[in-house]
Amino acid sequence: MDQRELYLKQLEEKWEHLTITNDIMFGMVMENEQICLELIQPSLPELNIKAISRITPQKQITGPISARTVRFDVFVRDEE
């Protein structure tokens, strides 16, 4: 096996072991409206979410200079 084949095999193995806890995979999953909806609905059943119109994974909220920055994994807004 040459270097290129070995490198590709290692990349494939890394890809196969990625989970949603990986930052890159999380972003990819959350940017898909259908998958995002399927994950959020059971997590927040009291909101009765029917659709997702805009997805912003890892939204950063910055307050006043003295305040800490907050980063939401998923930022969701309902009709209310």
C-alpha atoms as a PDB file:
ATOM      1  CA  MET A   1       0.000   0.000   0.000  1.00  0.00           C
ATOM      2  CA  ASP A   2       1.495   3.342  -1.003  1.00  0.00           C
ATOM      3  CA  GLN A   3       1.381   6.575   1.028  1.00  0.00           C
ATOM      4  CA  ARG A   4      -1.683   7.937  -0.752  1.00  0.00           C
ATOM      5  CA  GLU A   5      -3.705   4.760  -0.220  1.00  0.00           C
ATOM      6  CA  LEU A   6      -2.665   4.648   3.432  1.00  0.00           C
ATOM      7  CA  TYR A   7      -3.677   8.293   3.907  1.00  0.00           C
ATOM      8  CA  LEU A   8      -7.072   7.716   2.257  1.00  0.00           C
ATOM      9  CA  LYS A   9      -7.659   4.636   4.394  1.00  0.00           C
ATOM     10  CA  GLN A  10      -6.870   6.623   7.553  1.00  0.00           C
ATOM     11  CA  LEU A  11      -9.269   9.402   6.481  1.00  0.00           C
ATOM     12  CA  GLU A  12     -11.995   6.859   5.814  1.00  0.00           C
ATOM     13  CA  GLU A  13     -11.513   5.302   9.249  1.00  0.00           C
ATOM     14  CA  LYS A  14     -11.709   8.722  10.927  1.00  0.00           C
ATOM     15  CA  TRP A  15     -14.890   9.534   8.975  1.00  0.00           C
ATOM     16  CA  GLU A  16     -16.532   6.244   9.967  1.00  0.00           C
ATOM     17  CA  HIS A  17     -15.907   6.931  13.659  1.00  0.00           C
ATOM     18  CA  LEU A  18     -17.175  10.516  13.715  1.00  0.00           C
ATOM     19  CA  THR A  19     -20.212  11.197  15.859  1.00  0.00           C
ATOM     20  CA  ILE A  20     -22.400  14.240  16.389  1.00  0.00           C
ATOM     21  CA  THR A  21     -20.099  15.220  19.275  1.00  0.00           C
ATOM     22  CA  ASN A  22     -17.457  16.167  16.704  1.00  0.00           C
ATOM     23  CA  ASP A  23     -17.690  19.892  15.952  1.00  0.00           C
ATOM     24  CA  ILE A  24     -17.507  19.512  12.165  1.00  0.00           C
ATOM     25  CA  MET A  25     -20.029  16.668  12.053  1.00  0.00           C
ATOM     26  CA  PHE A  26     -22.370  18.575  14.371  1.00  0.00           C
ATOM     27  CA  GLY A  27     -22.354  21.551  12.009  1.00  0.00           C
ATOM     28  CA  MET A  28     -22.983  19.351   8.976  1.00  0.00           C
ATOM     29  CA  VAL A  29     -25.875  17.555  10.680  1.00  0.00           C
ATOM     30  CA  MET A  30     -27.491  20.708  12.031  1.00  0.00           C
ATOM     31  CA  GLU A  31     -27.357  22.474   8.669  1.00  0.00           C
ATOM     32  CA  ASN A  32     -29.657  19.805   7.221  1.00  0.00           C
ATOM     33  CA  GLU A  33     -33.182  21.041   8.026  1.00  0.00           C
ATOM     34  CA  GLN A  34     -34.823  17.607   8.100  1.00  0.00           C
ATOM     35  CA  ILE A  35     -32.189  15.978  10.304  1.00  0.00           C
ATOM     36  CA  CYS A  36     -32.072  19.026  12.573  1.00  0.00           C
ATOM     37  CA  LEU A  37     -35.859  18.901  12.972  1.00  0.00           C
ATOM     38  CA  GLU A  38     -35.742  15.178  13.801  1.00  0.00           C
ATOM     39  CA  LEU A  39     -33.164  15.846  16.525  1.00  0.00           C
ATOM     40  CA  ILE A  40     -34.792  18.940  18.022  1.00  0.00           C
ATOM     41  CA  GLN A  41     -38.411  17.695  18.142  1.00  0.00           C
ATOM     42  CA  PRO A  42     -37.828  14.982  20.770  1.00  0.00           C
ATOM     43  CA  SER A  43     -35.456  17.255  22.693  1.00  0.00           C
ATOM     44  CA  LEU A  44     -38.059  20.026  23.047  1.00  0.00           C
ATOM     45  CA  PRO A  45     -41.451  18.274  22.848  1.00  0.00           C
ATOM     46  CA  GLU A  46     -43.251  21.095  24.661  1.00  0.00           C
ATOM     47  CA  LEU A  47     -42.566  23.447  21.728  1.00  0.00           C
ATOM     48  CA  ASN A  48     -44.364  21.237  19.181  1.00  0.00           C
ATOM     49  CA  ILE A  49     -41.911  22.165  16.412  1.00  0.00           C
ATOM     50  CA  LYS A  50     -43.327  21.525  12.945  1.00  0.00           C
ATOM     51  CA  ALA A  51     -40.705  23.087  10.681  1.00  0.00           C
ATOM     52  CA  ILE A  52     -37.359  24.813  10.672  1.00  0.00           C
ATOM     53  CA  SER A  53     -36.959  27.874   8.487  1.00  0.00           C
ATOM     54  CA  ARG A  54     -33.433  29.016   9.267  1.00  0.00           C
ATOM     55  CA  ILE A  55     -30.620  27.154  10.948  1.00  0.00           C
ATOM     56  CA  THR A  56     -27.722  28.884  12.653  1.00  0.00           C
ATOM     57  CA  PRO A  57     -25.403  26.297  14.177  1.00  0.00           C
ATOM     58  CA  GLN A  58     -23.006  27.593  16.799  1.00  0.00           C
ATOM     59  CA  LYS A  59     -24.419  31.096  16.973  1.00  0.00           C
ATOM     60  CA  GLN A  60     -22.302  33.430  19.050  1.00  0.00           C
ATOM     61  CA  ILE A  61     -24.009  36.104  21.151  1.00  0.00           C
ATOM     62  CA  THR A  62     -21.845  38.953  22.374  1.00  0.00           C
ATOM     63  CA  GLY A  63     -23.018  41.285  25.104  1.00  0.00           C
ATOM     64  CA  PRO A  64     -21.438  44.396  26.556  1.00  0.00           C
ATOM     65  CA  ILE A  65     -17.646  44.520  26.720  1.00  0.00           C
ATOM     66  CA  SER A  66     -17.592  43.328  30.326  1.00  0.00           C
ATOM     67  CA  ALA A  67     -19.971  40.421  29.676  1.00  0.00           C
ATOM     68  CA  ARG A  68     -18.978  36.946  28.641  1.00  0.00           C
ATOM     69  CA  THR A  69     -19.676  35.679  25.146  1.00  0.00           C
ATOM     70  CA  VAL A  70     -22.206  32.864  24.815  1.00  0.00           C
ATOM     71  CA  ARG A  71     -22.196  30.318  22.017  1.00  0.00           C
ATOM     72  CA  PHE A  72     -25.349  28.311  21.373  1.00  0.00           C
ATOM     73  CA  ASP A  73     -24.936  24.930  19.719  1.00  0.00           C
ATOM     74  CA  VAL A  74     -28.251  25.516  17.971  1.00  0.00           C
ATOM     75  CA  PHE A  75     -30.182  28.763  17.991  1.00  0.00           C
ATOM     76  CA  VAL A  76     -33.922  28.255  17.489  1.00  0.00           C
ATOM     77  CA  ARG A  77     -36.764  30.738  17.489  1.00  0.00           C
ATOM     78  CA  ASP A  78     -40.433  29.796  17.500  1.00  0.00           C
ATOM     79  CA  GLU A  79     -43.395  31.815  16.210  1.00  0.00           C
ATOM     80  CA  GLU A  80     -44.048  33.321  19.627  1.00  0.00           C
END
